[in-house]
């Protein structure tokens, strides 16, 4: 690997510990938060998740926490050899910043954006806007503390309580002041409104003013857009062409180590693609795998550098 190349992982995750609920919420806020969204794993490995006052099915179907089981050196074969009947702890780097930095060193990653796991799945479904507000603040405070282990290398991606536009803008301003470069906005319905609803215009405006990137999951958004374009074929003011989706405004799109479209069309993605590992998911990809894939397609070294770090540094304004 080129020692002069800065590698930025734009798709890595944390696994939210019980400390978010136990240490980052006020005593009077805990009953509200517990009724809205609560997650814990007991000493025996049994998992409990409460959402809007009701228990919900665990994300995992076995004892393997596939969203947080990978660590450097693991292969699909070694993951497949794990006993699904036995409980397995999440990877230390998903919850502990010192372990995270060691894993990044082993993977050859200089800097990493930190996305949620449990909050990505459950948080958008919270019905009580006030509960969403206090939980977003608790999560963001925990993540910001996590990132203090290396402010340059660990880059927190904030959660916003989109259940209320006012609450979302207030939390955005707070985390932006503390240095967040991005905010996670899942393309799902909040209080019956999609993030593209006109009521969210003040939030999008404030994101732009503060220079904070809105980070969303593109495949689902594109899939839904394509569905509605098929259902309402008379609409002509929406386009799914790359020049409209990626180039009409400042954009960055993440790609995994095995996604060959970037290697096949480097001229299209040269300024907009950035590599992400998906760490610590079971299907985590490595820098070496990404470089090998791009090499098989003969992508120029300068473009490889843009994909593995340069585009992310420019897009997020990373000094």
Foldseek 3Di string as FASTA:
>chain_A
DPPVFAFEAEAAEAEDAQCLLVPLFDPVLNVVLQQAWHWHADPQRDIWIHHNNHTDDDPDPFLQPQLFAAAPPDDLVNVVPDDRNHHDDGDPLRHALVSVVVRCVVQVHQAYEYDYDVCLPGLLRGQDLVSSLSSQSSVLVSQLVSCVVPVQHYAYAGEASVLPLVSRLVVVVVVLVVPHLEHEQEQDDRVNDGCVPPVNVVVVVSCVVSNHYYDYDPPVVLVVVVVVCVVVVVDDPDDPDLCVPDPVDPAADEDELPPLPCLQCVVSCQQHYAYHQSPPRNRGDGLVSNVVSNVVSVNDPVSNSCRRPVNVCVSSVRD
